[in-house]
Protein backbone atom coordinates (compact mmCIF):
# COMPACT_ATOMS: atom_id res chain seq x y z
CA UNK A 1 0.00 0.00 0.00
CA UNK A 2 2.79 2.37 0.90
CA UNK A 3 4.52 1.76 -2.44
CA UNK A 4 1.25 2.33 -4.27
CA UNK A 5 0.71 5.58 -2.33
CA UNK A 6 4.16 6.91 -3.27
CA UNK A 7 3.52 6.03 -6.93
CA UNK A 8 0.34 8.12 -6.84
CA UNK A 9 2.12 11.06 -5.19
CA UNK A 10 4.92 11.01 -7.79
CA UNK A 11 2.40 10.85 -10.62
CA UNK A 12 0.48 13.84 -9.25
CA UNK A 13 3.77 15.75 -8.76
CA UNK A 14 4.77 15.11 -12.35
CA UNK A 15 1.37 16.32 -13.55
CA UNK A 16 1.70 19.48 -11.46
CA UNK A 17 5.22 20.23 -12.66
CA UNK A 18 4.50 19.60 -16.34
CA UNK A 19 2.55 22.82 -16.97
CA UNK A 20 5.17 24.86 -15.08
CA UNK A 21 7.97 23.39 -17.16
CA UNK A 22 6.08 24.07 -20.38
CA UNK A 23 5.32 27.61 -19.23
CA UNK A 24 8.98 28.20 -18.35
CA UNK A 25 10.08 26.84 -21.73
CA UNK A 26 7.59 29.05 -23.54
CA UNK A 27 8.78 32.11 -21.63
CA UNK A 28 12.43 31.43 -22.46
CA UNK A 29 11.54 31.17 -26.16
CA UNK A 30 9.47 34.34 -26.23
CA UNK A 31 11.46 37.07 -28.05
CA UNK A 32 12.71 40.07 -26.11
CA UNK A 33 11.01 42.81 -28.11
CA UNK A 34 12.60 46.26 -28.31
CA UNK A 35 10.48 48.97 -29.94
CA UNK A 36 12.17 51.27 -32.46
CA UNK A 37 10.74 54.48 -33.95
CA UNK A 38 12.37 55.44 -37.26
CA UNK A 39 11.66 57.68 -40.29
CA UNK A 40 11.14 54.85 -42.79
CA UNK A 41 9.23 57.13 -45.18
CA UNK A 42 9.36 60.88 -45.78
CA UNK A 43 12.24 63.31 -46.20
CA UNK A 44 14.96 61.44 -44.31
CA UNK A 45 13.85 57.90 -45.04
CA UNK A 46 17.33 57.21 -46.44
CA UNK A 47 18.68 57.63 -42.90
CA UNK A 48 15.91 55.66 -41.17
CA UNK A 49 16.33 52.77 -43.59
CA UNK A 50 20.09 52.74 -43.04
CA UNK A 51 19.56 52.60 -39.27
CA UNK A 52 17.00 49.82 -39.67
CA UNK A 53 19.40 47.79 -41.81
CA UNK A 54 22.06 48.23 -39.13
CA UNK A 55 19.68 46.89 -36.46
CA UNK A 56 18.72 43.98 -38.71
CA UNK A 57 22.39 43.05 -39.03
CA UNK A 58 23.28 43.51 -35.36
CA UNK A 59 20.29 41.46 -34.19
CA UNK A 60 21.82 38.07 -35.13
CA UNK A 61 25.14 39.19 -33.62
CA UNK A 62 23.32 39.83 -30.34
CA UNK A 63 21.36 36.61 -30.45
CA UNK A 64 24.38 34.49 -31.35
CA UNK A 65 25.91 35.75 -28.11
CA UNK A 66 22.88 34.62 -26.09
CA UNK A 67 20.38 37.44 -26.55
CA UNK A 68 19.12 38.80 -23.23
CA UNK A 69 18.93 36.21 -20.43
CA UNK A 70 18.48 33.43 -22.96
CA UNK A 71 15.77 35.22 -24.93
CA UNK A 72 16.35 36.26 -28.51
CA UNK A 73 16.19 40.01 -29.09
CA UNK A 74 13.73 41.21 -31.72
CA UNK A 75 13.58 44.83 -32.87
CA UNK A 76 10.04 45.97 -33.69
CA UNK A 77 9.82 48.94 -36.05
CA UNK A 78 7.40 51.86 -36.23
CA UNK A 79 7.48 54.49 -39.00
CA UNK A 80 7.18 58.14 -37.89
CA UNK A 81 7.20 59.28 -41.53
CA UNK A 82 9.85 61.96 -40.77
CA UNK A 83 7.20 63.84 -38.80
CA UNK A 84 7.82 64.85 -35.15
CA UNK A 85 4.07 64.84 -34.44
CA UNK A 86 3.86 61.24 -35.61
CA UNK A 87 6.92 60.43 -33.48
CA UNK A 88 5.07 61.74 -30.42
CA UNK A 89 1.89 59.84 -31.28
CA UNK A 90 3.84 56.59 -31.63
CA UNK A 91 5.79 57.25 -28.43
CA UNK A 92 2.55 57.91 -26.52
CA UNK A 93 1.08 54.66 -27.79
CA UNK A 94 4.16 52.61 -26.99
CA UNK A 95 4.83 54.09 -23.55
CA UNK A 96 1.25 53.38 -22.47
CA UNK A 97 2.28 49.79 -21.81
CA UNK A 98 5.17 51.06 -19.63
CA UNK A 99 8.11 49.49 -21.49
CA UNK A 100 11.62 49.70 -20.10
CA UNK A 101 13.19 50.88 -23.32
CA UNK A 102 12.52 52.70 -26.60
CA UNK A 103 15.01 53.28 -29.44
CA UNK A 104 14.90 56.22 -31.90
CA UNK A 105 13.99 58.36 -33.57
CA UNK A 106 16.55 59.84 -36.00
CA UNK A 107 15.97 63.59 -36.11
CA UNK A 108 16.70 66.30 -33.55
CA UNK A 109 13.14 67.59 -33.86
CA UNK A 110 11.60 64.16 -33.34
CA UNK A 111 13.79 63.26 -30.36
CA UNK A 112 13.24 66.63 -28.71
CA UNK A 113 9.47 66.27 -29.18
CA UNK A 114 9.50 62.77 -27.65
CA UNK A 115 11.87 63.52 -24.76
CA UNK A 116 9.28 65.14 -22.42
CA UNK A 117 7.34 61.87 -22.47
CA UNK A 118 10.33 60.11 -20.90
CA UNK A 119 10.52 62.18 -17.70
CA UNK A 120 10.01 59.08 -15.56
CA UNK A 121 10.94 56.48 -18.18
CA UNK A 122 11.17 54.52 -20.31
CA UNK A 123 14.80 54.88 -21.34
CA UNK A 124 14.95 56.48 -24.79
CA UNK A 125 18.11 56.11 -26.87
CA UNK A 126 17.89 58.70 -29.65
CA UNK A 127 19.85 58.05 -32.84
CA UNK A 128 20.45 61.76 -33.53
CA UNK A 129 23.77 63.15 -32.25
CA UNK A 130 22.33 66.66 -32.43
CA UNK A 131 20.41 66.57 -29.15
CA UNK A 132 21.99 67.29 -25.77
CA UNK A 133 20.02 65.51 -23.01
CA UNK A 134 20.22 66.68 -19.43
CA UNK A 135 22.53 64.67 -17.17
CA UNK A 136 20.59 62.05 -15.23
CA UNK A 137 17.64 62.03 -17.62
CA UNK A 138 16.16 58.92 -19.22
CA UNK A 139 17.27 60.13 -22.66
CA UNK A 140 20.57 59.06 -24.22
CA UNK A 141 21.98 60.11 -27.58
CA UNK A 142 24.10 58.43 -30.22
CA UNK A 143 27.73 58.87 -31.25
CA UNK A 144 29.78 62.07 -30.89
CA UNK A 145 28.12 65.46 -30.43
CA UNK A 146 27.71 67.81 -33.37
CA UNK A 147 29.47 70.36 -31.15
CA UNK A 148 32.55 68.11 -30.95
CA UNK A 149 32.43 67.61 -34.72
CA UNK A 150 32.52 71.39 -35.12
CA UNK A 151 35.41 71.77 -32.67
CA UNK A 152 37.46 69.15 -34.53
CA UNK A 153 36.71 70.88 -37.84
CA UNK A 154 37.91 74.26 -36.53
CA UNK A 155 40.99 72.59 -35.02
CA UNK A 156 41.82 70.99 -38.36
CA UNK A 157 41.41 74.27 -40.26
CA UNK A 158 43.55 76.20 -37.78
CA UNK A 159 46.34 73.62 -37.72
CA UNK A 160 46.35 73.53 -41.54
CA UNK A 161 46.83 77.30 -41.54
CA UNK A 162 43.39 78.04 -42.97
CA UNK A 163 42.55 80.98 -40.73
CA UNK A 164 40.29 83.00 -43.06
CA UNK A 165 37.01 81.11 -43.16
CA UNK A 166 33.47 81.57 -44.42
CA UNK A 167 30.43 80.10 -42.69
CA UNK A 168 27.17 79.18 -44.42
CA UNK A 169 24.16 77.92 -42.47
CA UNK A 170 20.41 77.72 -42.92
CA UNK A 171 18.31 80.63 -41.67
CA UNK A 172 16.07 78.44 -39.49
CA UNK A 173 16.42 77.72 -35.74
CA UNK A 174 18.75 74.77 -36.40
CA UNK A 175 21.10 76.88 -38.52
CA UNK A 176 21.08 79.70 -35.97
CA UNK A 177 21.97 77.25 -33.21
CA UNK A 178 24.86 75.88 -35.26
CA UNK A 179 26.16 79.36 -36.01
CA UNK A 180 26.07 80.30 -32.32
CA UNK A 181 27.98 77.13 -31.53
CA UNK A 182 30.64 77.92 -34.11
CA UNK A 183 30.98 81.45 -32.70
CA UNK A 184 31.62 80.05 -29.21
CA UNK A 185 34.30 77.72 -30.58
CA UNK A 186 35.97 80.53 -32.53
CA UNK A 187 36.01 82.67 -29.39
CA UNK A 188 38.32 80.22 -27.62
CA UNK A 189 41.88 81.48 -26.99
CA UNK A 190 43.48 78.96 -29.33
CA UNK A 191 41.37 80.30 -32.20
CA UNK A 192 42.24 83.97 -31.71
CA UNK A 193 43.86 84.16 -35.16
CA UNK A 194 40.83 82.64 -36.91
CA UNK A 195 38.72 85.18 -38.81
CA UNK A 196 35.24 84.77 -40.28
CA UNK A 197 35.47 86.77 -43.50
CA UNK A 198 31.85 86.21 -44.49
CA UNK A 199 28.63 84.71 -43.12
CA UNK A 200 25.92 83.54 -45.45
CA UNK A 201 22.43 82.25 -44.74
CA UNK A 202 19.79 80.56 -46.85
CA UNK A 203 16.32 79.10 -46.53
CA UNK A 204 16.18 75.31 -46.65
CA UNK A 205 13.63 75.57 -49.49
CA UNK A 206 15.88 77.78 -51.66
CA UNK A 207 16.74 76.34 -55.06
CA UNK A 208 19.80 78.57 -55.53
CA UNK A 209 22.42 80.22 -53.31
CA UNK A 210 24.41 81.75 -56.16
CA UNK A 211 24.30 85.29 -54.75
CA UNK A 212 25.58 84.20 -51.33
CA UNK A 213 28.40 82.14 -52.84
CA UNK A 214 29.54 85.02 -55.03
CA UNK A 215 29.76 87.24 -51.95
CA UNK A 216 31.76 84.56 -50.14
CA UNK A 217 34.08 84.28 -53.14
CA UNK A 218 34.75 88.02 -53.08
CA UNK A 219 35.77 87.79 -49.39
CA UNK A 220 38.60 85.41 -50.39
CA UNK A 221 38.30 82.78 -47.64
CA UNK A 222 40.87 80.02 -47.35
CA UNK A 223 38.24 77.49 -46.32
CA UNK A 224 34.50 77.23 -45.74
CA UNK A 225 32.07 75.52 -43.37
CA UNK A 226 28.69 74.62 -44.92
CA UNK A 227 26.54 73.11 -42.18
CA UNK A 228 23.29 71.57 -43.42
CA UNK A 229 22.08 68.11 -44.39
CA UNK A 230 20.10 66.49 -47.19
CA UNK A 231 18.75 68.51 -50.11
CA UNK A 232 19.76 71.93 -48.63
CA UNK A 233 23.44 70.96 -48.65
CA UNK A 234 23.06 69.81 -52.25
CA UNK A 235 21.93 73.33 -53.15
CA UNK A 236 25.00 74.76 -51.39
CA UNK A 237 27.37 72.31 -53.09
CA UNK A 238 25.93 73.19 -56.50
CA UNK A 239 26.45 76.88 -55.83
CA UNK A 240 30.06 76.32 -54.77
CA UNK A 241 30.97 74.27 -57.85
CA UNK A 242 29.08 76.45 -60.32
CA UNK A 243 30.83 79.57 -59.00
CA UNK A 244 34.26 78.00 -59.45
CA UNK A 245 35.06 78.41 -55.75
CA UNK A 246 37.76 75.81 -55.18
CA UNK A 247 38.63 75.86 -51.48
CA UNK A 248 38.39 73.27 -48.68
CA UNK A 249 34.74 72.83 -47.66
CA UNK A 250 33.69 71.10 -44.45
CA UNK A 251 30.23 69.79 -43.65
CA UNK A 252 28.55 67.69 -40.98
CA UNK A 253 28.69 63.91 -40.50
CA UNK A 254 24.97 63.90 -41.29
CA UNK A 255 25.96 63.97 -44.99
CA UNK A 256 28.33 61.04 -44.66
CA UNK A 257 26.31 58.56 -46.71
CA UNK A 258 27.27 56.72 -49.87
CA UNK A 259 23.83 57.45 -51.31
CA UNK A 260 24.44 61.19 -51.08
CA UNK A 261 27.98 60.99 -52.40
CA UNK A 262 26.71 59.06 -55.42
CA UNK A 263 23.74 61.35 -56.01
CA UNK A 264 25.84 64.52 -55.65
CA UNK A 265 28.91 63.22 -57.49
CA UNK A 266 28.69 65.77 -60.33
CA UNK A 267 28.68 68.78 -58.00
CA UNK A 268 30.65 67.78 -54.91
CA UNK A 269 33.36 70.26 -53.85
CA UNK A 270 36.78 69.01 -54.90
CA UNK A 271 38.03 69.32 -51.30
CA UNK A 272 35.21 67.99 -49.11
CA UNK A 273 36.05 67.38 -45.44
CA UNK A 274 33.86 65.73 -42.79
CA UNK A 275 34.62 65.25 -39.10
CA UNK A 276 33.44 61.80 -37.98
CA UNK A 277 33.58 59.32 -35.13
CA UNK A 278 36.18 56.53 -35.19
CA UNK A 279 34.16 54.15 -37.39
CA UNK A 280 35.84 55.14 -40.69
CA UNK A 281 38.23 52.49 -42.02
CA UNK A 282 41.73 53.56 -41.04
CA UNK A 283 44.01 50.55 -41.56
CA UNK A 284 47.62 51.63 -41.91
CA UNK A 285 46.81 55.20 -40.90
CA UNK A 286 45.52 55.16 -37.32
CA UNK A 287 45.20 52.56 -34.60
CA UNK A 288 42.49 52.66 -31.95
CA UNK A 289 41.90 50.76 -28.71
CA UNK A 290 41.92 46.95 -29.22
CA UNK A 291 38.27 46.70 -28.21
CA UNK A 292 37.27 49.29 -30.80
CA UNK A 293 39.26 47.52 -33.51
CA UNK A 294 37.53 44.25 -32.59
CA UNK A 295 34.08 45.86 -32.59
CA UNK A 296 34.73 47.44 -35.98
CA UNK A 297 35.88 44.10 -37.42
CA UNK A 298 32.53 42.53 -36.48
CA UNK A 299 30.67 45.57 -37.81
CA UNK A 300 32.29 45.54 -41.23
CA UNK A 301 32.11 41.75 -41.44
CA UNK A 302 28.35 41.83 -40.88
CA UNK A 303 27.92 44.24 -43.77
CA UNK A 304 30.35 42.45 -46.03
CA UNK A 305 28.40 39.22 -45.53
CA UNK A 306 25.40 40.83 -47.24
CA UNK A 307 27.52 42.66 -49.82
CA UNK A 308 26.93 46.13 -48.38
CA UNK A 309 29.13 48.99 -47.18
CA UNK A 310 28.16 50.80 -43.99
CA UNK A 311 28.32 54.56 -43.67
CA UNK A 312 27.74 57.02 -40.82
CA UNK A 313 24.02 56.24 -40.66
CA UNK A 314 24.74 52.62 -39.80
CA UNK A 315 26.81 53.59 -36.76
CA UNK A 316 23.99 55.65 -35.26
CA UNK A 317 21.99 52.56 -34.31
CA UNK A 318 24.63 49.79 -34.15
CA UNK A 319 26.39 50.93 -30.96
CA UNK A 320 23.20 51.96 -29.09
CA UNK A 321 21.69 48.52 -29.72
CA UNK A 322 24.74 46.79 -28.25
CA UNK A 323 24.95 49.23 -25.34
CA UNK A 324 21.36 48.69 -24.18
CA UNK A 325 21.71 44.91 -24.56
CA UNK A 326 24.94 44.97 -22.56
CA UNK A 327 23.14 46.87 -19.80
CA UNK A 328 20.13 44.54 -19.86
CA UNK A 329 22.36 41.49 -19.54
CA UNK A 330 24.00 43.00 -16.45
CA UNK A 331 20.61 43.41 -14.75
CA UNK A 332 18.13 40.86 -13.48
CA UNK A 333 15.31 39.92 -15.89
CA UNK A 334 12.55 42.50 -16.28
CA UNK A 335 14.39 45.53 -14.85
CA UNK A 336 12.70 48.87 -14.29
CA UNK A 337 13.41 51.87 -16.49
CA UNK A 338 15.25 53.44 -13.55
CA UNK A 339 17.52 50.40 -13.20
CA UNK A 340 18.28 50.41 -16.93
CA UNK A 341 18.97 54.15 -16.94
CA UNK A 342 21.39 53.80 -14.04
CA UNK A 343 23.10 50.80 -15.65
CA UNK A 344 23.81 52.75 -18.85
CA UNK A 345 24.75 55.90 -16.95
CA UNK A 346 27.35 53.94 -15.00
CA UNK A 347 28.83 52.13 -18.00
CA UNK A 348 32.44 52.83 -18.90
CA UNK A 349 35.04 51.04 -20.96
CA UNK A 350 32.47 49.76 -23.47
CA UNK A 351 34.20 49.50 -26.86
CA UNK A 352 31.97 50.23 -29.83
CA UNK A 353 32.56 51.07 -33.47
CA UNK A 354 32.52 54.80 -32.66
CA UNK A 355 35.01 54.66 -29.78
CA UNK A 356 35.31 53.63 -26.13
CA UNK A 357 32.25 54.80 -24.19
CA UNK A 358 32.51 56.38 -20.75
CA UNK A 359 29.06 57.51 -19.60
CA UNK A 360 30.08 58.67 -16.10
CA UNK A 361 32.60 61.05 -17.70
CA UNK A 362 30.40 62.09 -20.66
CA UNK A 363 26.79 61.73 -19.44
CA UNK A 364 24.03 60.59 -21.79
CA UNK A 365 26.49 60.14 -24.70
CA UNK A 366 29.66 58.36 -23.58
CA UNK A 367 31.94 59.91 -26.22
CA UNK A 368 33.70 63.25 -26.68
CA UNK A 369 36.03 65.08 -29.06
CA UNK A 370 38.81 62.54 -28.47
CA UNK A 371 36.65 60.13 -30.48
CA UNK A 372 36.48 62.49 -33.49
CA UNK A 373 38.75 62.18 -36.52
CA UNK A 374 38.86 64.16 -39.78
CA UNK A 375 38.11 62.62 -43.16
CA UNK A 376 38.10 63.72 -46.77
CA UNK A 377 35.90 62.31 -49.52
CA UNK A 378 38.01 60.56 -52.16
CA UNK A 379 36.25 59.99 -55.52
CA UNK A 380 39.09 57.73 -56.67
CA UNK A 381 38.67 55.46 -53.62
CA UNK A 382 34.89 56.00 -53.54
CA UNK A 383 35.03 56.42 -49.77
CA UNK A 384 36.21 58.73 -47.00
CA UNK A 385 39.92 58.66 -46.22
CA UNK A 386 41.34 59.63 -42.83
CA UNK A 387 43.29 62.90 -42.88
CA UNK A 388 43.19 63.88 -39.21
CA UNK A 389 43.88 62.24 -35.86
CA UNK A 390 41.49 62.40 -32.87
CA UNK A 391 40.47 65.99 -31.97
CA UNK A 392 41.14 67.08 -35.57
CA UNK A 393 44.95 67.16 -35.58
CA UNK A 394 46.10 66.83 -39.25
CA UNK A 395 48.11 63.76 -40.19
CA UNK A 396 50.42 66.06 -42.10
CA UNK A 397 50.52 69.80 -42.80
């Protein structure tokens, strides 16, 4: 009787444990979804699609390494149509379920519109380097700051002896902000010999800037900064080439895409410089931290496997994806937004394709001007070649 009783008990125990085991198995196989808001249509769809492709390629890299606590990561995409209002609508809808994390979007205007919704979480990792989140906030931002890109550009010009410069920016709030930033940089003691010989402004809807370029030409600058992205910079480039103005021209990393270089090939300035993070291929020219070199090897290999070449847009989402996953792995399953924010904020020594991140030292971003190098577009190589060391120091005068 006793033996029979124990047999019954064991049978009942097995029946009770079976559903739990099945439930546990199902949970471990449920993907770890991470919501991503991107401009997949509209004016900057080229950038959103590049960032999406980067996430699609990094996803198997993450999952091959174990995902997050044994669950495969899956990025779930939402199209904000390059419209900040749509970005806010999507963010409101997604945050209603109180997620821990949200990635995107890609524009300054979209990220700034979404940021107030993240006051108490979730963590938002914006892919635009142009925002400057408050220390301790739930908002983080990708790659090096546009301010550091500008500093490196001015450093490069000064050290090359190009002290007479012209500045051309859009007449909108973004352009005004950039111009103020450049003025602050030029006011630094080391730039006392730098002189702005002409300032030109244009509306982003203008189809010609011929008059402004002619005035710049008459001022005889040694170099020029043209800070705009997308179709507005194409208008500026056309004006420069059509006027016969052949001087070094620097622009922002936002234009560092192969699609743009191909589309603008017939009217690109002959000397086109772009300050960038460390991702640009630099073999035989520069050597970065071993961890960065290793991260870049994986990055380029992932793209080569699908017969593609990454550009700056790809780096804007690649590192953030790996950073948030690294933080999630360090926490217990199902962390709060506060725990995730603090984990990222305390992260240092993380080697990505853009440099070695140190969030305690550089809050909300992790990188600074020491992660900025100077490049020049080379039509013969059909890529950007490194011409300046970190902080914008020229390789050779």
